[in-house]
C-alpha atoms as a PDB file:
ATOM      1  CA  MET A   1       3.963  84.984  -1.355  1.00  0.00           C
ATOM      2  CA  THR A   2       3.550  86.069  -4.956  1.00  0.00           C
ATOM      3  CA  ASP A   3       2.530  84.002  -7.991  1.00  0.00           C
ATOM      4  CA  ARG A   4       5.965  84.747  -9.529  1.00  0.00           C
ATOM      5  CA  PRO A   5       8.242  82.052  -8.097  1.00  0.00           C
ATOM      6  CA  HIS A   6      11.685  83.469  -8.912  1.00  0.00           C
ATOM      7  CA  ILE A   7      13.504  85.191  -6.073  1.00  0.00           C
ATOM      8  CA  LEU A   8      16.648  87.260  -5.647  1.00  0.00           C
ATOM      9  CA  ALA A   9      18.676  87.418  -2.451  1.00  0.00           C
ATOM     10  CA  SER A  10      21.275  90.165  -2.038  1.00  0.00           C
ATOM     11  CA  GLU A  11      23.917  90.148   0.712  1.00  0.00           C
ATOM     12  CA  THR A  12      26.183  93.211   0.642  1.00  0.00           C
ATOM     13  CA  SER A  13      26.728  93.983   4.316  1.00  0.00           C
ATOM     14  CA  SER A  14      30.176  92.391   4.589  1.00  0.00           C
ATOM     15  CA  ARG A  15      33.491  92.651   2.766  1.00  0.00           C
ATOM     16  CA  ARG A  16      32.315  90.018   0.277  1.00  0.00           C
ATOM     17  CA  GLY A  17      29.023  90.534  -1.521  1.00  0.00           C
ATOM     18  CA  PHE A  18      26.781  87.849  -3.004  1.00  0.00           C
ATOM     19  CA  VAL A  19      23.653  87.543  -5.106  1.00  0.00           C
ATOM     20  CA  ALA A  20      21.527  84.391  -5.235  1.00  0.00           C
ATOM     21  CA  LEU A  21      18.770  83.497  -7.656  1.00  0.00           C
ATOM     22  CA  GLY A  22      16.150  81.085  -6.393  1.00  0.00           C
ATOM     23  CA  ARG A  23      12.913  79.482  -7.449  1.00  0.00           C
ATOM     24  CA  GLY A  24      10.686  78.735  -4.498  1.00  0.00           C
ATOM     25  CA  ASP A  25      12.778  77.014  -1.822  1.00  0.00           C
ATOM     26  CA  THR A  26      15.558  76.087  -4.259  1.00  0.00           C
ATOM     27  CA  VAL A  27      18.648  78.245  -4.794  1.00  0.00           C
ATOM     28  CA  LEU A  28      19.523  78.042  -8.487  1.00  0.00           C
ATOM     29  CA  GLU A  29      22.775  80.015  -8.522  1.00  0.00           C
ATOM     30  CA  VAL A  30      25.011  82.026  -6.203  1.00  0.00           C
ATOM     31  CA  VAL A  31      27.382  84.669  -7.584  1.00  0.00           C
ATOM     32  CA  GLU A  32      30.016  86.629  -5.693  1.00  0.00           C
ATOM     33  CA  LEU A  33      30.250  90.297  -6.582  1.00  0.00           C
ATOM     34  CA  PRO A  34      33.610  91.370  -8.045  1.00  0.00           C
ATOM     35  CA  PRO A  35      35.882  92.111  -5.071  1.00  0.00           C
ATOM     36  CA  LYS A  36      37.522  95.304  -6.335  1.00  0.00           C
ATOM     37  CA  ARG A  37      34.578  97.541  -7.216  1.00  0.00           C
ATOM     38  CA  ARG A  38      31.907  95.405  -5.564  1.00  0.00           C
ATOM     39  CA  HIS A  39      28.575  96.844  -4.498  1.00  0.00           C
ATOM     40  CA  ASN A  40      28.636 100.417  -5.744  1.00  0.00           C
ATOM     41  CA  LEU A  41      29.079  99.530  -9.427  1.00  0.00           C
ATOM     42  CA  ASP A  42      28.442  95.833  -9.875  1.00  0.00           C
ATOM     43  CA  LEU A  43      25.259  94.862  -8.052  1.00  0.00           C
ATOM     44  CA  VAL A  44      22.741  95.685 -10.797  1.00  0.00           C
ATOM     45  CA  PRO A  45      24.876  94.266 -13.664  1.00  0.00           C
ATOM     46  CA  THR A  46      25.403  91.078 -11.633  1.00  0.00           C
ATOM     47  CA  ILE A  47      21.669  90.704 -11.035  1.00  0.00           C
ATOM     48  CA  ASP A  48      21.034  91.259 -14.742  1.00  0.00           C
ATOM     49  CA  ALA A  49      23.658  88.695 -15.774  1.00  0.00           C
ATOM     50  CA  VAL A  50      22.320  86.037 -13.398  1.00  0.00           C
ATOM     51  CA  CYS A  51      18.778  86.528 -14.651  1.00  0.00           C
ATOM     52  CA  GLN A  52      19.889  86.397 -18.294  1.00  0.00           C
ATOM     53  CA  ARG A  53      21.728  83.109 -17.744  1.00  0.00           C
ATOM     54  CA  HIS A  54      18.429  81.611 -16.619  1.00  0.00           C
ATOM     55  CA  GLY A  55      16.391  83.211 -19.386  1.00  0.00           C
ATOM     56  CA  LEU A  56      14.623  85.600 -17.027  1.00  0.00           C
ATOM     57  CA  GLY A  57      13.745  89.271 -17.135  1.00  0.00           C
ATOM     58  CA  PRO A  58      13.167  91.519 -14.103  1.00  0.00           C
ATOM     59  CA  SER A  59       9.397  91.434 -14.643  1.00  0.00           C
ATOM     60  CA  VAL A  60       9.212  87.738 -13.683  1.00  0.00           C
ATOM     61  CA  LEU A  61      10.887  88.250 -10.294  1.00  0.00           C
ATOM     62  CA  GLY A  62       8.432  87.945  -7.434  1.00  0.00           C
ATOM     63  CA  GLU A  63      10.477  88.650  -4.312  1.00  0.00           C
ATOM     64  CA  LEU A  64      13.797  90.118  -3.233  1.00  0.00           C
ATOM     65  CA  TYR A  65      15.441  89.355   0.096  1.00  0.00           C
ATOM     66  CA  VAL A  66      18.047  91.862   1.200  1.00  0.00           C
ATOM     67  CA  SER A  67      20.331  91.931   4.225  1.00  0.00           C
ATOM     68  CA  LEU A  68      19.948  95.240   6.062  1.00  0.00           C
ATOM     69  CA  GLY A  69      23.127  95.457   8.120  1.00  0.00           C
ATOM     70  CA  PRO A  70      24.801  96.739  10.110  1.00  0.00           C
ATOM     71  CA  GLY A  71      27.776  96.505   7.827  1.00  0.00           C
ATOM     72  CA  ALA A  72      29.379  98.178   4.849  1.00  0.00           C
ATOM     73  CA  PHE A  73      27.823 101.630   4.464  1.00  0.00           C
ATOM     74  CA  THR A  74      27.948 101.843   0.661  1.00  0.00           C
ATOM     75  CA  GLY A  75      27.042  98.209   0.094  1.00  0.00           C
ATOM     76  CA  LEU A  76      23.914  98.480   2.222  1.00  0.00           C
ATOM     77  CA  ARG A  77      22.855 101.771   0.678  1.00  0.00           C
ATOM     78  CA  ILE A  78      23.163 100.423  -2.873  1.00  0.00           C
ATOM     79  CA  ALA A  79      21.431  97.125  -2.061  1.00  0.00           C
ATOM     80  CA  VAL A  80      18.445  98.812  -0.424  1.00  0.00           C
ATOM     81  CA  ALA A  81      18.179 101.354  -3.250  1.00  0.00           C
ATOM     82  CA  THR A  82      18.215  98.513  -5.782  1.00  0.00           C
ATOM     83  CA  ALA A  83      15.500  96.658  -3.887  1.00  0.00           C
ATOM     84  CA  LYS A  84      13.357  99.788  -3.821  1.00  0.00           C
ATOM     85  CA  MET A  85      13.877 100.331  -7.535  1.00  0.00           C
ATOM     86  CA  LEU A  86      12.753  96.790  -8.383  1.00  0.00           C
ATOM     87  CA  ALA A  87       9.769  97.069  -6.048  1.00  0.00           C
ATOM     88  CA  LEU A  88       8.571 100.337  -7.559  1.00  0.00           C
ATOM     89  CA  THR A  89       9.237  99.443 -11.207  1.00  0.00           C
ATOM     90  CA  VAL A  90       8.289  95.768 -11.561  1.00  0.00           C
ATOM     91  CA  GLY A  91       6.392  95.084  -8.335  1.00  0.00           C
ATOM     92  CA  VAL A  92       8.944  92.877  -6.586  1.00  0.00           C
ATOM     93  CA  LYS A  93       8.042  92.272  -2.936  1.00  0.00           C
ATOM     94  CA  ILE A  94      10.832  92.968  -0.439  1.00  0.00           C
ATOM     95  CA  VAL A  95      11.858  91.157   2.710  1.00  0.00           C
ATOM     96  CA  GLY A  96      14.603  92.904   4.686  1.00  0.00           C
ATOM     97  CA  VAL A  97      16.633  90.724   7.052  1.00  0.00           C
ATOM     98  CA  PRO A  98      18.934  92.262   9.675  1.00  0.00           C
ATOM     99  CA  THR A  99      22.430  90.897   9.205  1.00  0.00           C
ATOM    100  CA  LEU A 100      22.578  90.113  12.915  1.00  0.00           C
ATOM    101  CA  ASP A 101      19.551  87.807  12.516  1.00  0.00           C
ATOM    102  CA  LEU A 102      21.174  86.200   9.491  1.00  0.00           C
ATOM    103  CA  LEU A 103      24.407  85.425  11.324  1.00  0.00           C
ATOM    104  CA  CYS A 104      22.612  84.227  14.459  1.00  0.00           C
ATOM    105  CA  ALA A 105      20.721  81.739  12.272  1.00  0.00           C
ATOM    106  CA  GLN A 106      24.054  80.553  10.849  1.00  0.00           C
ATOM    107  CA  HIS A 107      25.706  80.276  14.263  1.00  0.00           C
ATOM    108  CA  PRO A 108      23.198  79.156  16.915  1.00  0.00           C
ATOM    109  CA  GLY A 109      24.802  79.151  20.326  1.00  0.00           C
ATOM    110  CA  ALA A 110      27.346  81.855  19.446  1.00  0.00           C
ATOM    111  CA  MET A 111      27.399  85.548  20.283  1.00  0.00           C
ATOM    112  CA  VAL A 112      27.422  87.485  17.018  1.00  0.00           C
ATOM    113  CA  CYS A 113      29.193  90.857  17.167  1.00  0.00           C
ATOM    114  CA  LEU A 114      28.961  93.462  14.424  1.00  0.00           C
ATOM    115  CA  ASN A 115      30.173  97.035  14.096  1.00  0.00           C
ATOM    116  CA  VAL A 116      32.819  96.573  16.767  1.00  0.00           C
ATOM    117  CA  LYS A 117      34.101  99.979  17.844  1.00  0.00           C
ATOM    118  CA  ARG A 118      35.292 101.672  21.002  1.00  0.00           C
ATOM    119  CA  ASP A 119      35.075  98.458  23.066  1.00  0.00           C
ATOM    120  CA  THR A 120      31.421  97.866  22.184  1.00  0.00           C
ATOM    121  CA  ALA A 121      29.579  95.808  19.572  1.00  0.00           C
ATOM    122  CA  TRP A 122      26.068  95.442  18.219  1.00  0.00           C
ATOM    123  CA  SER A 123      25.470  91.867  19.336  1.00  0.00           C
ATOM    124  CA  ALA A 124      22.979  89.056  19.809  1.00  0.00           C
ATOM    125  CA  ALA A 125      22.850  85.308  20.341  1.00  0.00           C
ATOM    126  CA  ALA A 126      20.272  82.717  19.370  1.00  0.00           C
ATOM    127  CA  LEU A 127      20.974  79.789  21.615  1.00  0.00           C
ATOM    128  CA  ALA A 128      21.207  76.274  20.265  1.00  0.00           C
ATOM    129  CA  LYS A 129      18.947  73.537  21.582  1.00  0.00           C
ATOM    130  CA  GLY A 130      20.508  72.120  24.708  1.00  0.00           C
ATOM    131  CA  SER A 131      22.685  75.158  25.317  1.00  0.00           C
ATOM    132  CA  PRO A 132      23.665  75.590  28.982  1.00  0.00           C
ATOM    133  CA  ALA A 133      22.813  79.282  28.875  1.00  0.00           C
ATOM    134  CA  ASP A 134      19.425  80.216  30.304  1.00  0.00           C
ATOM    135  CA  ALA A 135      18.141  82.676  27.726  1.00  0.00           C
ATOM    136  CA  ALA A 136      18.862  84.221  24.364  1.00  0.00           C
ATOM    137  CA  TYR A 137      20.553  87.590  24.099  1.00  0.00           C
ATOM    138  CA  PRO A 138      18.444  90.020  22.039  1.00  0.00           C
ATOM    139  CA  PRO A 139      20.103  92.584  19.741  1.00  0.00           C
ATOM    140  CA  ALA A 140      21.769  95.332  21.770  1.00  0.00           C
ATOM    141  CA  LEU A 141      24.901  97.458  21.956  1.00  0.00           C
ATOM    142  CA  ARG A 142      27.073  95.689  24.540  1.00  0.00           C
ATOM    143  CA  ARG A 143      30.505  96.186  26.012  1.00  0.00           C
ATOM    144  CA  LEU A 144      33.066  93.659  24.803  1.00  0.00           C
ATOM    145  CA  ASP A 145      33.900  92.724  28.405  1.00  0.00           C
ATOM    146  CA  ASP A 146      30.236  91.846  29.007  1.00  0.00           C
ATOM    147  CA  ILE A 147      30.086  89.903  25.749  1.00  0.00           C
ATOM    148  CA  ARG A 148      33.115  87.808  26.642  1.00  0.00           C
ATOM    149  CA  ALA A 149      31.753  87.260  30.146  1.00  0.00           C
ATOM    150  CA  THR A 150      28.848  85.259  28.682  1.00  0.00           C
ATOM    151  CA  GLY A 151      31.291  82.489  27.833  1.00  0.00           C
ATOM    152  CA  LEU A 152      29.667  81.985  24.434  1.00  0.00           C
ATOM    153  CA  PRO A 153      31.805  81.445  21.338  1.00  0.00           C
ATOM    154  CA  LEU A 154      32.189  84.622  19.324  1.00  0.00           C
ATOM    155  CA  VAL A 155      31.389  85.389  15.693  1.00  0.00           C
ATOM    156  CA  ALA A 156      32.533  88.884  14.747  1.00  0.00           C
ATOM    157  CA  ASP A 157      33.591  91.121  11.904  1.00  0.00           C
ATOM    158  CA  THR A 158      36.844  92.428  13.417  1.00  0.00           C
ATOM    159  CA  LEU A 159      37.798  90.470  16.568  1.00  0.00           C
ATOM    160  CA  ASP A 160      40.938  88.333  16.376  1.00  0.00           C
ATOM    161  CA  ASP A 161      39.597  85.730  18.817  1.00  0.00           C
ATOM    162  CA  ALA A 162      36.320  85.198  16.938  1.00  0.00           C
ATOM    163  CA  THR A 163      35.058  83.199  14.000  1.00  0.00           C
ATOM    164  CA  PRO A 164      34.792  85.623  11.043  1.00  0.00           C
ATOM    165  CA  ALA A 165      31.308  87.010  10.445  1.00  0.00           C
ATOM    166  CA  GLU A 166      30.591  85.913   6.870  1.00  0.00           C
ATOM    167  CA  PRO A 167      26.866  86.074   6.054  1.00  0.00           C
ATOM    168  CA  ASP A 168      25.627  83.239   3.819  1.00  0.00           C
ATOM    169  CA  VAL A 169      23.266  84.393   1.082  1.00  0.00           C
ATOM    170  CA  ARG A 170      21.682  80.918   1.099  1.00  0.00           C
ATOM    171  CA  VAL A 171      20.639  81.403   4.702  1.00  0.00           C
ATOM    172  CA  LEU A 172      19.304  84.829   3.737  1.00  0.00           C
ATOM    173  CA  HIS A 173      17.169  83.053   1.128  1.00  0.00           C
ATOM    174  CA  GLN A 174      15.832  80.662   3.795  1.00  0.00           C
ATOM    175  CA  LEU A 175      14.985  83.440   6.252  1.00  0.00           C
ATOM    176  CA  GLY A 176      13.383  85.489   3.497  1.00  0.00           C
ATOM    177  CA  ARG A 177      11.216  82.544   2.478  1.00  0.00           C
ATOM    178  CA  ALA A 178      10.030  82.087   6.054  1.00  0.00           C
ATOM    179  CA  ALA A 179       9.180  85.780   6.409  1.00  0.00           C
ATOM    180  CA  ALA A 180       7.371  85.816   3.060  1.00  0.00           C
ATOM    181  CA  ALA A 181       5.305  82.794   4.113  1.00  0.00           C
ATOM    182  CA  ASP A 182       4.099  84.889   7.064  1.00  0.00           C
ATOM    183  CA  ASN A 183       3.441  87.853   4.751  1.00  0.00           C
ATOM    184  CA  ARG A 184       6.120  89.897   6.533  1.00  0.00           C
ATOM    185  CA  TYR A 185       7.094  92.113   3.620  1.00  0.00           C
ATOM    186  CA  HIS A 186       8.639  95.570   3.892  1.00  0.00           C
ATOM    187  CA  ASP A 187       7.259  98.777   2.480  1.00  0.00           C
ATOM    188  CA  PRO A 188       9.791  99.923  -0.146  1.00  0.00           C
ATOM    189  CA  LEU A 189       9.087 103.560   0.671  1.00  0.00           C
ATOM    190  CA  THR A 190      10.152 103.185   4.300  1.00  0.00           C
ATOM    191  CA  LEU A 191      12.811 100.471   4.018  1.00  0.00           C
ATOM    192  CA  LEU A 192      16.184 101.609   5.383  1.00  0.00           C
ATOM    193  CA  PRO A 193      19.524  99.960   6.125  1.00  0.00           C
ATOM    194  CA  GLU A 194      20.396  99.265   9.753  1.00  0.00           C
ATOM    195  CA  TYR A 195      23.564 101.250  10.295  1.00  0.00           C
ATOM    196  CA  VAL A 196      23.419 101.231  14.146  1.00  0.00           C
ATOM    197  CA  ARG A 197      26.171 103.855  14.306  1.00  0.00           C
ATOM    198  CA  GLU A 198      26.747 106.945  12.215  1.00  0.00           C
ATOM    199  CA  PRO A 199      29.372 106.682   9.439  1.00  0.00           C
ATOM    200  CA  GLU A 200      32.959 107.037  10.636  1.00  0.00           C
ATOM    201  CA  ALA A 201      33.395 110.128   8.459  1.00  0.00           C
ATOM    202  CA  VAL A 202      30.581 111.858  10.350  1.00  0.00           C
ATOM    203  CA  THR A 203      32.108 110.923  13.700  1.00  0.00           C
ATOM    204  CA  LEU A 204      35.513 112.299  12.656  1.00  0.00           C
ATOM    205  CA  TRP A 205      33.929 115.498  11.329  1.00  0.00           C
ATOM    206  CA  ASP A 206      32.071 116.090  14.594  1.00  0.00           C
ATOM    207  CA  GLN A 207      35.240 115.434  16.579  1.00  0.00           C
ATOM    208  CA  ARG A 208      37.135 118.048  14.567  1.00  0.00           C
ATOM    209  CA  HIS A 209      34.434 120.649  14.040  1.00  0.00           C
ATOM    210  CA  GLY A 210      31.669 119.881  16.503  1.00  0.00           C
ATOM    211  CA  PRO A 211      28.105 118.860  15.568  1.00  0.00           C
ATOM    212  CA  ASP A 212      25.853 121.365  13.803  1.00  0.00           C
END
Protein backbone atom coordinates (compact mmCIF):
# COMPACT_ATOMS: atom_id res chain seq x y z
CA MET A 1 0.00 0.00 0.00
CA THR A 2 1.04 3.60 -0.50
CA ASP A 3 1.55 6.35 2.10
CA ARG A 4 -1.30 8.31 0.43
CA PRO A 5 -4.46 6.94 2.07
CA HIS A 6 -7.15 8.23 -0.30
CA ILE A 7 -8.51 5.75 -2.82
CA LEU A 8 -10.79 5.83 -5.84
CA ALA A 9 -12.90 2.89 -6.99
CA SER A 10 -14.45 2.97 -10.46
CA GLU A 11 -17.15 0.54 -11.60
CA THR A 12 -18.24 1.09 -15.21
CA SER A 13 -18.79 -2.44 -16.50
CA SER A 14 -22.58 -2.44 -16.17
CA ARG A 15 -25.46 -0.25 -17.30
CA ARG A 16 -25.04 1.89 -14.18
CA GLY A 17 -21.64 3.35 -13.40
CA PHE A 18 -20.32 4.37 -9.99
CA VAL A 19 -17.32 6.09 -8.45
CA ALA A 20 -16.37 5.75 -4.78
CA LEU A 21 -13.89 7.78 -2.78
CA GLY A 22 -12.34 6.06 0.20
CA ARG A 23 -9.76 6.63 2.88
CA GLY A 24 -8.16 3.40 4.00
CA ASP A 25 -10.91 0.85 4.65
CA THR A 26 -13.64 3.51 4.87
CA VAL A 27 -15.77 4.54 1.88
CA LEU A 28 -16.36 8.28 2.18
CA GLU A 29 -18.75 8.82 -0.73
CA VAL A 30 -20.36 6.92 -3.60
CA VAL A 31 -21.58 8.74 -6.71
CA GLU A 32 -23.55 7.31 -9.62
CA LEU A 33 -22.46 8.48 -13.04
CA PRO A 34 -25.14 10.38 -14.99
CA PRO A 35 -27.26 7.74 -16.75
CA LYS A 36 -27.62 9.41 -20.15
CA ARG A 37 -24.04 10.12 -21.19
CA ARG A 38 -22.38 8.03 -18.49
CA HIS A 39 -18.86 6.71 -18.86
CA ASN A 40 -17.61 8.21 -22.10
CA LEU A 41 -18.03 11.85 -21.03
CA ASP A 42 -18.64 11.95 -17.30
CA LEU A 43 -16.13 9.72 -15.54
CA VAL A 44 -13.27 12.22 -15.19
CA PRO A 45 -15.52 15.20 -14.26
CA THR A 46 -17.25 13.01 -11.65
CA ILE A 47 -13.92 11.98 -10.14
CA ASP A 48 -12.84 15.62 -10.06
CA ALA A 49 -16.08 16.74 -8.40
CA VAL A 50 -15.91 14.05 -5.72
CA CYS A 51 -12.32 14.93 -4.89
CA GLN A 52 -13.11 18.66 -4.74
CA ARG A 53 -15.99 18.07 -2.32
CA HIS A 54 -13.49 16.48 0.05
CA GLY A 55 -10.82 19.12 -0.49
CA LEU A 56 -8.54 16.76 -2.41
CA GLY A 57 -6.48 17.04 -5.55
CA PRO A 58 -5.42 14.13 -7.80
CA SER A 59 -1.87 14.25 -6.43
CA VAL A 60 -3.01 13.00 -3.00
CA LEU A 61 -4.68 9.87 -4.39
CA GLY A 62 -2.71 6.74 -3.60
CA GLU A 63 -4.64 3.92 -5.26
CA LEU A 64 -7.35 3.33 -7.84
CA TYR A 65 -9.42 0.15 -8.02
CA VAL A 66 -11.11 -0.47 -11.34
CA SER A 67 -13.47 -3.21 -12.47
CA LEU A 68 -12.14 -4.83 -15.65
CA GLY A 69 -15.22 -6.50 -17.11
CA PRO A 70 -16.52 -8.19 -19.08
CA GLY A 71 -19.20 -5.62 -19.59
CA ALA A 72 -19.91 -2.37 -21.37
CA PHE A 73 -17.26 -1.90 -24.06
CA THR A 74 -17.00 1.89 -23.90
CA GLY A 75 -17.33 2.09 -20.13
CA LEU A 76 -14.47 -0.35 -19.58
CA ARG A 77 -12.24 1.31 -22.16
CA ILE A 78 -12.70 4.76 -20.62
CA ALA A 79 -12.25 3.53 -17.04
CA VAL A 80 -9.01 1.70 -17.82
CA ALA A 81 -7.68 4.65 -19.82
CA THR A 82 -8.47 6.96 -16.90
CA ALA A 83 -6.70 4.64 -14.47
CA LYS A 84 -3.64 4.57 -16.71
CA MET A 85 -3.65 8.35 -17.00
CA LEU A 86 -3.72 8.81 -13.22
CA ALA A 87 -1.01 6.18 -12.75
CA LEU A 88 1.33 7.79 -15.27
CA THR A 89 0.70 11.41 -14.26
CA VAL A 90 0.38 11.39 -10.46
CA GLY A 91 1.68 7.93 -9.54
CA VAL A 92 -1.60 6.31 -8.49
CA LYS A 93 -1.25 2.55 -8.01
CA ILE A 94 -3.83 0.44 -9.84
CA VAL A 95 -5.66 -2.70 -8.81
CA GLY A 96 -7.80 -4.23 -11.56
CA VAL A 97 -10.63 -6.51 -10.43
CA PRO A 98 -12.48 -8.74 -12.91
CA THR A 99 -16.19 -7.99 -12.72
CA LEU A 100 -16.88 -11.71 -12.42
CA ASP A 101 -14.79 -11.81 -9.23
CA LEU A 102 -16.61 -8.75 -7.93
CA LEU A 103 -20.05 -10.27 -8.45
CA CYS A 104 -19.02 -13.66 -7.07
CA ALA A 105 -17.91 -11.89 -3.89
CA GLN A 106 -21.32 -10.20 -3.71
CA HIS A 107 -23.24 -13.42 -4.36
CA PRO A 108 -21.47 -16.40 -2.76
CA GLY A 109 -23.25 -19.61 -3.65
CA ALA A 110 -24.66 -18.26 -6.92
CA MET A 111 -23.53 -18.81 -10.50
CA VAL A 112 -22.64 -15.43 -11.98
CA CYS A 113 -23.18 -15.13 -15.74
CA LEU A 114 -21.87 -12.25 -17.82
CA ASN A 115 -21.78 -11.53 -21.54
CA VAL A 116 -24.63 -13.92 -22.25
CA LYS A 117 -24.77 -14.59 -25.98
CA ARG A 118 -25.57 -17.47 -28.30
CA ASP A 119 -26.62 -19.77 -25.43
CA THR A 120 -23.32 -19.34 -23.58
CA ALA A 121 -22.07 -17.11 -20.77
CA TRP A 122 -18.79 -16.19 -19.13
CA SER A 123 -19.52 -17.62 -15.70
CA ALA A 124 -18.17 -18.57 -12.29
CA ALA A 125 -19.35 -19.39 -8.79
CA ALA A 126 -17.72 -18.90 -5.41
CA LEU A 127 -19.55 -21.26 -3.13
CA ALA A 128 -20.84 -20.16 0.24
CA LYS A 129 -19.74 -21.91 3.41
CA GLY A 130 -21.94 -24.94 3.90
CA SER A 131 -23.01 -25.08 0.27
CA PRO A 132 -24.07 -28.57 -0.85
CA ALA A 133 -22.02 -28.29 -4.02
CA ASP A 134 -18.64 -30.02 -3.94
CA ALA A 135 -16.41 -27.42 -5.56
CA ALA A 136 -16.29 -23.90 -6.89
CA TYR A 137 -16.73 -23.20 -10.58
CA PRO A 138 -13.77 -21.21 -11.95
CA PRO A 139 -14.28 -18.56 -14.66
CA ALA A 140 -15.08 -20.19 -18.00
CA LEU A 141 -17.32 -19.87 -21.04
CA ARG A 142 -20.16 -22.32 -20.36
CA ARG A 143 -23.33 -23.36 -22.11
CA LEU A 144 -26.48 -22.07 -20.45
CA ASP A 145 -27.87 -25.61 -20.23
CA ASP A 146 -24.77 -26.68 -18.27
CA ILE A 147 -25.03 -23.61 -16.05
CA ARG A 148 -28.64 -24.31 -15.17
CA ALA A 149 -27.83 -27.98 -14.58
CA THR A 150 -25.66 -26.99 -11.59
CA GLY A 151 -28.82 -26.09 -9.70
CA LEU A 152 -27.19 -22.93 -8.34
CA PRO A 153 -29.13 -19.67 -8.20
CA LEU A 154 -28.26 -17.40 -11.10
CA VAL A 155 -26.96 -13.83 -11.17
CA ALA A 156 -26.79 -12.51 -14.72
CA ASP A 157 -26.80 -9.41 -16.87
CA THR A 158 -29.53 -10.45 -19.32
CA LEU A 159 -31.34 -13.61 -18.13
CA ASP A 160 -34.99 -13.23 -17.13
CA ASP A 161 -34.80 -15.99 -14.51
CA ALA A 162 -31.75 -14.53 -12.74
CA THR A 163 -31.01 -11.91 -10.13
CA PRO A 164 -29.71 -8.83 -12.01
CA ALA A 165 -25.92 -8.52 -12.11
CA GLU A 166 -25.33 -5.14 -10.46
CA PRO A 167 -21.72 -4.73 -9.31
CA ASP A 168 -21.33 -2.86 -6.00
CA VAL A 169 -18.51 -0.32 -6.02
CA ARG A 170 -18.19 -0.77 -2.24
CA VAL A 171 -17.34 -4.42 -2.74
CA LEU A 172 -14.86 -3.36 -5.42
CA HIS A 173 -13.24 -1.14 -2.77
CA GLN A 174 -13.00 -4.11 -0.37
CA LEU A 175 -11.47 -6.43 -2.97
CA GLY A 176 -9.06 -3.73 -4.07
CA ARG A 177 -7.93 -3.17 -0.49
CA ALA A 178 -7.26 -6.88 -0.05
CA ALA A 179 -5.25 -7.06 -3.28
CA ALA A 180 -3.27 -3.94 -2.37
CA ALA A 181 -2.43 -5.43 1.04
CA ASP A 182 -0.83 -8.34 -0.85
CA ASN A 183 0.97 -5.90 -3.17
CA ARG A 184 -1.00 -7.22 -6.16
CA TYR A 185 -0.94 -4.06 -8.25
CA HIS A 186 -1.25 -3.91 -12.03
CA ASP A 187 1.24 -2.42 -14.44
CA PRO A 188 -0.54 0.54 -16.06
CA LEU A 189 1.28 -0.08 -19.33
CA THR A 190 -0.14 -3.58 -19.71
CA LEU A 191 -3.52 -3.21 -18.01
CA LEU A 192 -6.42 -4.11 -20.32
CA PRO A 193 -10.16 -4.59 -19.95
CA GLU A 194 -11.51 -8.14 -19.97
CA TYR A 195 -13.85 -8.18 -22.93
CA VAL A 196 -14.03 -12.02 -23.27
CA ARG A 197 -15.74 -11.68 -26.65
CA GLU A 198 -15.08 -9.32 -29.52
CA PRO A 199 -17.41 -6.29 -29.84
CA GLU A 200 -20.75 -7.06 -31.47
CA ALA A 201 -19.95 -4.62 -34.29
CA VAL A 202 -16.88 -6.68 -35.19
CA THR A 203 -18.89 -9.90 -35.17
CA LEU A 204 -21.54 -8.39 -37.46
CA TRP A 205 -18.87 -7.01 -39.81
CA ASP A 206 -17.19 -10.41 -40.10
CA GLN A 207 -20.54 -12.08 -40.73
CA ARG A 208 -21.28 -9.68 -43.59
CA HIS A 209 -17.83 -9.27 -45.10
CA GLY A 210 -15.69 -12.07 -43.73
CA PRO A 211 -12.61 -11.62 -41.51
CA ASP A 212 -9.52 -9.93 -42.93
